[in-house]
Amino acid sequence: MNTEYKDSEIGLIPKDWNIDELQENLIIKGRIGWKGLKKSEYLEEGYAIINGQQILDGAVDWKNVGRISEDRYLESPEIMLQQDDILMTKDGTIGKTAYVRELKEPATVASGVFVIRNNSDKITQKFLYQYFSSHYFKHLVQSRIEGSVIPHIYQKDIQKLAVPLPPVSEQEQIAKILFDIDDKIDVNKKINENLEELGKTLFKRWFIDFEFPNEEGEPYKSSGGEMIESELGMIPKGWEIKKMIELVSMLKPGTNYQPKRIDEGVPFLNGRNIIDGVINTKDISYISKEDYEFIHKKWIPEENDLLITRIGTLGNVGIVRKKDLPIGIHYNMIVIKENDKYIKYPGLYFMIKSEYFLKEYHLRKKQTVQEYITIDEVENIPIFYDSDIIKKFENSFDKLLKLILQNKQNIENLEELKQSLLPKLMSGQIRVK
């Protein structure tokens, strides 16, 4: 479209667009301070309560919500959630948002979360949510954050922020384009959740339940396959129990050396950059080439290396892809390298993501200021092993892992597409009718 533009406090916008303060168009509610909740008030069962940890990738993680009593839920009707509410974190990690597309059960929010509702016929709720997802809005939020120890943003700061107001029909089209991309991302994520679950389920069936296919294609144990005694109970005849270190190379990056972070250089991976099994560089930091070479002077990260976090958040697993290299790795992770003689990365991936391995991993944790696990402890985790069966598993599930990784790449491509479109749609550089 041929569009004429005008100057505004948020930059150039189309002449037929308006600018307004958010307070003129929405209602923001939060849990009043004296109604805050103590940890002792959380229950095993009850009404759902959502805090910042349950706001993930623009949605509510309903599987991990907290629980409170009916009295506590009913005392704050103004923050009882409704479908199409927008949630935004106001403490700690500021400005994370979620759109309540489906209210799965009665729910409320903790003190660190705002509930935001459209209160004007000049703006649509879905457009408002996508605006909150834009880099422009996030920049405005960051510029108003108060408090250095625990970052915080006040309701009045959000209310005074400016919002562009295209015609409502154009808002609806902008929101539709962006939500369509979100929907495609969600479909790929659900496919991957199912594929990951399939891989973990079949790994357990083969290597924990010992129901791998026998020579006739029947499940080994339940078809009368011979079992023998071991220090960990009955295992199939011909199998061994090996220590983890006997099957793979396990490495810890560098020492506790903390390299200087710089604006450009070699990406420096921390545990928080492992998301959904891969490396996410969105908020990654960078170090110099010299520091990278110092940290990895004995070895370097390579394609198909497996990573597992060992300090703080334990057991977060990721895989290094070719596109991630070169990359420096923080000492709070263990790097596990495949050994062609014993186990390759497809089998290794599903093994260290298995319920059995992660249970053994957490059993070995220690506690100081935060939880941690030593590499020596991980090296000694016992693994049920048979070379022929692991090769069959790898041959069968190599394609499954490749499909998971391809879907992850599709998700990243869609996220990049959205991030490139979002500022152009929000500023009117791209017009839709």
Protein backbone atom coordinates (compact mmCIF):
# COMPACT_ATOMS: atom_id res chain seq x y z
CA MET A 1 0.00 0.00 0.00
CA ASN A 2 1.06 3.58 -0.64
CA THR A 3 1.19 5.00 2.87
CA GLU A 4 1.93 8.48 4.16
CA TYR A 5 3.62 8.66 7.54
CA LYS A 6 3.77 11.08 10.45
CA ASP A 7 6.10 11.57 13.41
CA SER A 8 4.97 10.32 16.81
CA GLU A 9 6.51 9.66 20.21
CA ILE A 10 7.14 6.08 19.12
CA GLY A 11 8.56 7.00 15.72
CA LEU A 12 7.04 7.15 12.24
CA ILE A 13 3.55 5.70 11.94
CA PRO A 14 0.90 5.85 9.18
CA LYS A 15 -1.10 9.08 9.09
CA ASP A 16 -4.38 7.24 9.67
CA TRP A 17 -3.09 5.64 12.90
CA ASN A 18 -3.45 7.14 16.36
CA ILE A 19 -1.31 7.02 19.52
CA ASP A 20 -2.73 6.65 22.99
CA GLU A 21 -1.62 5.80 26.52
CA LEU A 22 -2.31 2.24 27.59
CA GLN A 23 -4.26 3.43 30.63
CA GLU A 24 -6.95 4.80 28.34
CA ASN A 25 -7.54 1.38 26.81
CA LEU A 26 -7.03 -1.34 29.39
CA ILE A 27 -7.47 -2.48 32.97
CA ILE A 28 -4.46 -3.81 34.91
CA LYS A 29 -5.01 -5.80 38.09
CA GLY A 30 -2.63 -7.53 40.45
CA ARG A 31 -2.64 -9.28 43.80
CA ILE A 32 -2.69 -6.62 46.52
CA GLY A 33 0.32 -6.82 48.82
CA TRP A 34 -1.47 -7.79 52.02
CA LYS A 35 -3.15 -10.63 50.15
CA GLY A 36 0.19 -12.16 49.27
CA LEU A 37 0.68 -15.87 49.86
CA LYS A 38 3.16 -17.69 52.05
CA LYS A 39 4.79 -20.88 50.82
CA SER A 40 3.04 -22.74 53.64
CA GLU A 41 -0.34 -21.86 52.09
CA TYR A 42 0.31 -23.77 48.87
CA LEU A 43 -1.54 -27.08 48.69
CA GLU A 44 -1.34 -30.37 46.80
CA GLU A 45 -4.92 -29.85 45.57
CA GLY A 46 -7.08 -26.75 45.21
CA TYR A 47 -7.58 -23.76 42.94
CA ALA A 48 -4.88 -22.98 40.38
CA ILE A 49 -2.54 -20.03 41.00
CA ILE A 50 -0.08 -18.86 38.36
CA ASN A 51 3.28 -17.21 38.97
CA GLY A 52 6.04 -16.16 36.61
CA GLN A 53 7.48 -19.67 36.37
CA GLN A 54 4.29 -20.90 34.70
CA ILE A 55 4.43 -18.23 31.99
CA LEU A 56 6.33 -19.95 29.20
CA ASP A 57 6.57 -19.09 25.50
CA GLY A 58 3.46 -16.91 25.51
CA ALA A 59 1.24 -19.45 27.26
CA VAL A 60 0.37 -20.77 30.71
CA ASP A 61 2.06 -24.01 31.77
CA TRP A 62 -1.07 -25.55 33.27
CA LYS A 63 0.77 -28.76 34.21
CA ASN A 64 2.85 -27.03 36.88
CA VAL A 65 0.53 -24.44 38.45
CA GLY A 66 0.43 -23.98 42.21
CA ARG A 67 -2.66 -24.76 44.31
CA ILE A 68 -4.42 -22.67 46.98
CA SER A 69 -7.57 -22.92 49.09
CA GLU A 70 -11.02 -21.83 47.93
CA ASP A 71 -11.04 -18.98 50.48
CA ARG A 72 -7.80 -17.57 49.11
CA TYR A 73 -9.08 -17.89 45.55
CA LEU A 74 -12.41 -16.15 46.31
CA GLU A 75 -10.92 -13.22 48.23
CA SER A 76 -9.66 -11.56 45.03
CA PRO A 77 -12.40 -11.73 42.36
CA GLU A 78 -10.72 -8.96 40.34
CA ILE A 79 -7.87 -11.31 39.41
CA MET A 80 -9.88 -14.45 38.77
CA LEU A 81 -8.78 -15.32 35.26
CA GLN A 82 -11.00 -15.06 32.22
CA GLN A 83 -10.47 -16.38 28.71
CA ASP A 84 -8.43 -13.92 26.58
CA ASP A 85 -6.74 -12.36 29.61
CA ILE A 86 -3.14 -11.26 29.16
CA LEU A 87 -0.70 -12.10 31.96
CA MET A 88 2.53 -10.18 32.48
CA THR A 89 5.32 -10.68 35.02
CA LYS A 90 6.22 -7.61 37.07
CA ASP A 91 8.95 -8.97 39.37
CA GLY A 92 12.18 -10.84 38.70
CA THR A 93 12.12 -11.54 34.97
CA ILE A 94 10.08 -8.54 33.81
CA GLY A 95 7.59 -8.43 30.96
CA LYS A 96 7.07 -12.13 30.22
CA THR A 97 3.59 -12.43 28.77
CA ALA A 98 1.00 -15.14 28.24
CA TYR A 99 -2.32 -15.08 26.41
CA VAL A 100 -5.05 -17.15 28.04
CA ARG A 101 -6.48 -18.72 24.90
CA GLU A 102 -8.20 -21.45 26.90
CA LEU A 103 -9.08 -21.21 30.58
CA LYS A 104 -8.60 -24.84 31.54
CA GLU A 105 -9.80 -24.41 35.13
CA PRO A 106 -10.64 -21.64 37.63
CA ALA A 107 -7.40 -19.79 38.32
CA THR A 108 -5.87 -16.69 39.85
CA VAL A 109 -2.38 -15.12 39.89
CA ALA A 110 0.42 -14.68 42.40
CA SER A 111 1.72 -11.28 43.45
CA GLY A 112 4.38 -11.15 40.73
CA VAL A 113 1.90 -11.22 37.83
CA PHE A 114 -0.42 -8.58 36.34
CA VAL A 115 -3.77 -9.45 34.75
CA ILE A 116 -4.44 -7.18 31.76
CA ARG A 117 -7.80 -6.73 30.03
CA ASN A 118 -8.86 -4.58 27.13
CA ASN A 119 -11.30 -1.85 28.22
CA SER A 120 -11.82 0.09 24.99
CA ASP A 121 -13.43 -0.30 21.58
CA LYS A 122 -10.33 1.32 20.07
CA ILE A 123 -8.08 -1.70 20.60
CA THR A 124 -8.49 -5.46 20.39
CA GLN A 125 -7.17 -7.85 23.03
CA LYS A 126 -5.22 -9.97 20.55
CA PHE A 127 -3.54 -6.92 19.01
CA LEU A 128 -2.68 -5.71 22.51
CA TYR A 129 -1.03 -9.05 23.33
CA GLN A 130 1.06 -8.99 20.16
CA TYR A 131 2.08 -5.40 20.93
CA PHE A 132 3.31 -6.59 24.34
CA SER A 133 5.42 -9.18 22.48
CA SER A 134 7.18 -6.55 20.39
CA HIS A 135 10.77 -5.45 20.97
CA TYR A 136 9.52 -1.86 21.13
CA PHE A 137 7.31 -2.55 24.14
CA LYS A 138 9.97 -4.68 25.85
CA HIS A 139 12.46 -1.83 25.41
CA LEU A 140 10.02 0.61 27.02
CA VAL A 141 9.49 -1.80 29.92
CA GLN A 142 13.22 -2.29 30.46
CA SER A 143 13.78 1.49 30.49
CA ARG A 144 11.31 1.81 33.39
CA ILE A 145 12.39 -1.10 35.54
CA GLU A 146 13.14 -0.03 39.08
CA GLY A 147 15.23 -1.89 41.62
CA SER A 148 18.61 -3.47 41.04
CA VAL A 149 18.45 -6.43 43.43
CA ILE A 150 14.95 -7.58 42.46
CA PRO A 151 13.83 -5.88 39.24
CA HIS A 152 10.27 -4.58 39.38
CA ILE A 153 7.88 -2.55 37.26
CA TYR A 154 4.91 -0.67 38.63
CA GLN A 155 1.41 -0.60 37.24
CA LYS A 156 1.59 3.16 36.70
CA ASP A 157 4.65 2.74 34.47
CA ILE A 158 2.85 0.37 32.12
CA GLN A 159 -0.29 2.49 32.08
CA LYS A 160 1.62 5.54 30.85
CA LEU A 161 3.28 3.73 27.97
CA ALA A 162 2.19 4.65 24.45
CA VAL A 163 0.49 2.20 22.09
CA PRO A 164 -0.08 2.60 18.33
CA LEU A 165 -3.74 2.34 17.32
CA PRO A 166 -4.35 1.25 13.73
CA PRO A 167 -7.99 1.02 12.63
CA VAL A 168 -9.64 -1.90 14.44
CA SER A 169 -10.04 -3.87 11.20
CA GLU A 170 -6.30 -3.59 10.59
CA GLN A 171 -5.56 -4.57 14.20
CA GLU A 172 -7.57 -7.73 13.64
CA GLN A 173 -5.60 -8.58 10.48
CA ILE A 174 -2.25 -7.87 12.16
CA ALA A 175 -3.20 -10.08 15.11
CA LYS A 176 -4.43 -12.85 12.80
CA ILE A 177 -1.15 -12.99 10.88
CA LEU A 178 0.88 -13.19 14.09
CA PHE A 179 -1.44 -15.66 15.84
CA ASP A 180 -1.39 -17.88 12.74
CA ILE A 181 2.39 -18.07 13.11
CA ASP A 182 1.98 -18.78 16.82
CA ASP A 183 -0.43 -21.60 15.95
CA LYS A 184 2.08 -23.17 13.55
CA ILE A 185 4.76 -22.96 16.25
CA ASP A 186 2.40 -24.64 18.74
CA VAL A 187 1.62 -27.46 16.28
CA ASN A 188 5.33 -28.17 15.80
CA LYS A 189 5.92 -28.08 19.56
CA LYS A 190 3.09 -30.55 20.19
CA ILE A 191 4.44 -32.86 17.47
CA ASN A 192 7.85 -32.77 19.13
CA GLU A 193 6.39 -33.38 22.58
CA ASN A 194 4.76 -36.53 21.20
CA LEU A 195 7.94 -37.64 19.42
CA GLU A 196 10.07 -37.04 22.52
CA GLU A 197 7.59 -38.99 24.62
CA LEU A 198 7.60 -41.84 22.09
CA GLY A 199 11.41 -42.00 22.14
CA LYS A 200 11.56 -42.00 25.95
CA THR A 201 8.76 -44.57 26.24
CA LEU A 202 10.43 -46.97 23.81
CA PHE A 203 13.84 -46.49 25.42
CA LYS A 204 12.28 -47.48 28.75
CA ARG A 205 10.55 -50.46 27.13
CA TRP A 206 13.79 -51.71 25.58
CA PHE A 207 16.39 -50.90 28.25
CA ILE A 208 14.51 -50.81 31.56
CA ASP A 209 11.56 -53.18 31.05
CA PHE A 210 13.70 -55.40 28.72
CA GLU A 211 10.89 -55.73 26.20
CA PHE A 212 13.13 -55.11 23.17
CA PRO A 213 12.22 -57.20 20.08
CA ASN A 214 13.68 -60.71 20.18
CA GLU A 215 14.71 -62.62 17.05
CA GLU A 216 11.05 -63.31 16.25
CA GLY A 217 10.11 -59.67 16.77
CA GLU A 218 8.35 -60.43 20.06
CA PRO A 219 8.96 -58.54 23.35
CA TYR A 220 11.92 -60.29 24.99
CA LYS A 221 11.03 -60.53 28.68
CA SER A 222 7.30 -61.26 28.41
CA SER A 223 8.00 -63.85 25.69
CA GLY A 224 10.11 -65.89 28.08
CA GLY A 225 13.53 -64.45 27.30
CA GLU A 226 16.20 -65.81 29.67
CA MET A 227 17.04 -63.49 32.59
CA ILE A 228 20.05 -63.67 34.91
CA GLU A 229 20.93 -62.17 38.30
CA SER A 230 22.95 -58.95 38.55
CA GLU A 231 23.83 -56.48 41.31
CA LEU A 232 20.83 -54.42 40.16
CA GLY A 233 18.38 -57.28 39.83
CA MET A 234 17.41 -59.51 36.92
CA ILE A 235 18.72 -58.55 33.45
CA PRO A 236 18.61 -60.35 30.06
CA LYS A 237 21.21 -63.02 29.48
CA GLY A 238 24.23 -61.56 27.68
CA TRP A 239 23.65 -58.04 29.00
CA GLU A 240 26.11 -56.11 31.18
CA ILE A 241 25.88 -53.32 33.72
CA LYS A 242 28.42 -50.68 32.79
CA LYS A 243 29.32 -47.36 34.35
CA MET A 244 28.47 -44.30 32.28
CA ILE A 245 32.17 -43.45 31.89
CA GLU A 246 32.79 -46.85 30.24
CA LEU A 247 30.44 -45.95 27.39
CA VAL A 248 31.14 -42.27 26.65
CA SER A 249 33.58 -39.44 27.12
CA MET A 250 32.41 -36.98 29.79
CA LEU A 251 33.93 -33.54 30.01
CA LYS A 252 33.61 -30.45 32.16
CA PRO A 253 34.35 -27.12 30.44
CA GLY A 254 37.41 -25.34 31.81
CA THR A 255 37.37 -24.39 35.48
CA ASN A 256 35.37 -21.84 37.44
CA TYR A 257 37.00 -19.17 35.30
CA GLN A 258 34.46 -16.48 34.39
CA PRO A 259 35.32 -14.86 31.05
CA LYS A 260 34.40 -11.23 30.38
CA ARG A 261 31.11 -10.89 28.49
CA ILE A 262 31.26 -8.73 25.37
CA ASP A 263 28.78 -7.48 22.75
CA GLU A 264 30.09 -9.66 19.91
CA GLY A 265 32.29 -12.72 19.71
CA VAL A 266 31.89 -16.43 20.38
CA PRO A 267 28.49 -17.35 21.91
CA PHE A 268 28.90 -18.48 25.53
CA LEU A 269 26.32 -21.07 26.53
CA ASN A 270 24.76 -21.12 29.98
CA GLY A 271 22.19 -23.61 31.26
CA ARG A 272 19.33 -21.13 30.73
CA ASN A 273 20.13 -21.12 26.99
CA ILE A 274 19.12 -24.79 26.66
CA ILE A 275 15.43 -24.73 25.79
CA ASP A 276 13.44 -27.74 24.60
CA GLY A 277 16.56 -29.81 24.02
CA VAL A 278 18.48 -27.37 21.82
CA ILE A 279 20.57 -24.23 22.19
CA ASN A 280 18.59 -21.00 22.07
CA THR A 281 20.78 -17.98 21.29
CA LYS A 282 18.07 -15.35 21.87
CA ASP A 283 19.56 -14.03 25.13
CA ILE A 284 22.98 -15.63 24.94
CA SER A 285 26.13 -13.77 26.00
CA TYR A 286 29.42 -13.57 24.09
CA ILE A 287 33.10 -13.94 24.93
CA SER A 288 36.33 -13.24 23.08
CA LYS A 289 38.05 -15.81 20.87
CA GLU A 290 40.97 -15.80 23.31
CA ASP A 291 38.72 -16.66 26.26
CA TYR A 292 36.99 -19.37 24.19
CA GLU A 293 40.36 -20.96 23.39
CA PHE A 294 41.39 -20.76 27.06
CA ILE A 295 38.19 -22.46 28.28
CA HIS A 296 38.41 -25.15 25.60
CA LYS A 297 42.17 -25.54 25.34
CA LYS A 298 41.96 -29.34 25.83
CA TRP A 299 38.88 -30.03 23.70
CA ILE A 300 36.24 -28.15 21.73
CA PRO A 301 32.46 -28.61 21.46
CA GLU A 302 31.42 -30.56 18.37
CA GLU A 303 28.24 -31.43 16.50
CA ASN A 304 26.09 -34.03 18.32
CA ASP A 305 27.70 -33.40 21.71
CA LEU A 306 25.11 -33.84 24.47
CA LEU A 307 24.87 -31.32 27.31
CA ILE A 308 23.38 -31.73 30.78
CA THR A 309 23.21 -29.03 33.44
CA ARG A 310 24.87 -29.86 36.75
CA ILE A 311 24.57 -26.74 38.93
CA GLY A 312 21.38 -24.98 40.01
CA THR A 313 18.84 -26.41 37.60
CA LEU A 314 19.88 -30.06 37.32
CA GLY A 315 19.29 -32.41 34.40
CA ASN A 316 18.37 -29.97 31.62
CA VAL A 317 19.46 -31.80 28.44
CA GLY A 318 20.44 -30.33 25.07
CA ILE A 319 22.21 -31.30 21.87
CA VAL A 320 24.82 -29.27 19.96
CA ARG A 321 23.94 -28.75 16.31
CA LYS A 322 26.30 -27.77 13.52
CA LYS A 323 24.65 -24.34 13.32
CA ASP A 324 25.57 -23.67 16.98
CA LEU A 325 29.33 -23.89 16.43
CA PRO A 326 31.69 -22.47 17.53
CA ILE A 327 30.30 -22.11 21.02
CA GLY A 328 31.84 -21.76 24.47
CA ILE A 329 30.25 -23.78 27.26
CA HIS A 330 29.86 -22.69 30.88
CA TYR A 331 31.29 -24.90 33.62
CA ASN A 332 27.80 -25.51 35.01
CA MET A 333 27.29 -28.15 32.31
CA ILE A 334 28.71 -31.58 31.59
CA VAL A 335 29.47 -32.36 27.96
CA ILE A 336 28.91 -35.97 26.92
CA LYS A 337 30.57 -37.13 23.70
CA GLU A 338 29.42 -40.20 21.82
CA ASN A 339 31.70 -43.22 21.49
CA ASP A 340 31.22 -45.03 18.17
CA LYS A 341 32.41 -48.26 19.77
CA TYR A 342 29.68 -48.32 22.44
CA ILE A 343 26.90 -45.80 21.91
CA LYS A 344 26.13 -43.08 19.35
CA TYR A 345 24.26 -39.86 19.88
CA PRO A 346 20.69 -41.04 19.00
CA GLY A 347 20.82 -43.71 21.71
CA LEU A 348 22.71 -41.40 24.04
CA TYR A 349 20.13 -38.63 23.62
CA PHE A 350 17.18 -40.78 24.65
CA MET A 351 19.22 -42.45 27.37
CA ILE A 352 20.12 -39.28 29.26
CA LYS A 353 16.57 -37.96 28.83
CA SER A 354 15.09 -41.18 30.20
CA GLU A 355 13.27 -41.27 33.53
CA TYR A 356 15.76 -43.87 34.78
CA PHE A 357 18.86 -41.79 34.04
CA LEU A 358 17.45 -38.50 35.38
CA LYS A 359 16.33 -40.25 38.58
CA GLU A 360 19.84 -41.66 39.08
CA TYR A 361 21.26 -38.22 38.23
CA HIS A 362 19.18 -36.43 40.88
CA LEU A 363 19.90 -39.08 43.51
CA ARG A 364 23.56 -38.02 43.35
CA LYS A 365 22.99 -34.29 43.85
CA LYS A 366 24.61 -32.37 46.68
CA GLN A 367 23.54 -29.10 48.32
CA THR A 368 25.48 -25.99 49.33
CA VAL A 369 24.08 -22.59 48.35
CA GLN A 370 22.50 -24.38 45.41
CA GLU A 371 22.14 -27.95 44.21
CA TYR A 372 24.97 -29.44 42.19
CA ILE A 373 26.36 -32.76 41.00
CA THR A 374 30.00 -33.68 40.42
CA ILE A 375 31.20 -35.22 37.18
CA ASP A 376 32.61 -38.19 39.16
CA GLU A 377 29.14 -39.04 40.41
CA VAL A 378 27.68 -38.94 36.91
CA GLU A 379 30.47 -41.10 35.53
CA ASN A 380 29.47 -43.85 37.96
CA ILE A 381 25.78 -44.03 37.03
CA PRO A 382 25.05 -47.71 36.15
CA ILE A 383 23.69 -48.39 32.65
CA PHE A 384 22.05 -51.63 31.42
CA TYR A 385 23.91 -52.39 28.21
CA ASP A 386 23.96 -54.73 25.24
CA SER A 387 25.88 -53.64 22.15
CA ASP A 388 23.61 -55.36 19.61
CA ILE A 389 20.41 -53.99 21.15
CA ILE A 390 21.73 -50.42 21.43
CA LYS A 391 22.74 -50.56 17.74
CA LYS A 392 19.24 -51.75 16.79
CA PHE A 393 17.74 -48.93 18.85
CA GLU A 394 19.99 -46.34 17.23
CA ASN A 395 19.19 -47.61 13.74
CA SER A 396 15.46 -47.53 14.52
CA PHE A 397 15.38 -44.13 16.21
CA ASP A 398 17.98 -42.15 14.29
CA LYS A 399 15.18 -40.89 12.00
CA LEU A 400 13.04 -40.03 15.01
CA LEU A 401 15.73 -37.79 16.50
CA LYS A 402 16.40 -36.18 13.12
CA LEU A 403 12.69 -35.42 12.81
CA ILE A 404 12.68 -33.87 16.29
CA LEU A 405 15.64 -31.67 15.38
CA GLN A 406 14.07 -30.69 12.05
CA ASN A 407 10.88 -29.67 13.85
CA LYS A 408 12.94 -27.62 16.28
CA GLN A 409 14.53 -25.87 13.30
CA ASN A 410 11.07 -25.22 11.84
CA ILE A 411 10.02 -23.67 15.16
CA GLU A 412 13.07 -21.41 15.17
CA ASN A 413 12.42 -20.36 11.57
CA LEU A 414 8.82 -19.45 12.43
CA GLU A 415 9.95 -17.53 15.52
CA GLU A 416 12.45 -15.59 13.41
CA LEU A 417 9.74 -14.87 10.84
CA LYS A 418 7.46 -13.51 13.56
CA GLN A 419 10.19 -11.36 15.04
CA SER A 420 10.96 -9.86 11.63
CA LEU A 421 7.28 -9.18 10.87
CA LEU A 422 6.24 -7.95 14.31
CA PRO A 423 7.99 -4.52 14.33
CA LYS A 424 7.03 -3.85 10.71
CA LEU A 425 3.38 -4.62 11.33
CA MET A 426 3.33 -2.65 14.59
CA SER A 427 4.88 0.43 12.94
CA GLY A 428 2.88 0.28 9.72
CA GLN A 429 5.91 -0.45 7.54
CA ILE A 430 3.84 -3.39 6.33
CA ARG A 431 0.13 -2.59 5.93
CA VAL A 432 -2.65 -5.15 5.93
CA LYS A 433 -6.34 -4.71 5.25
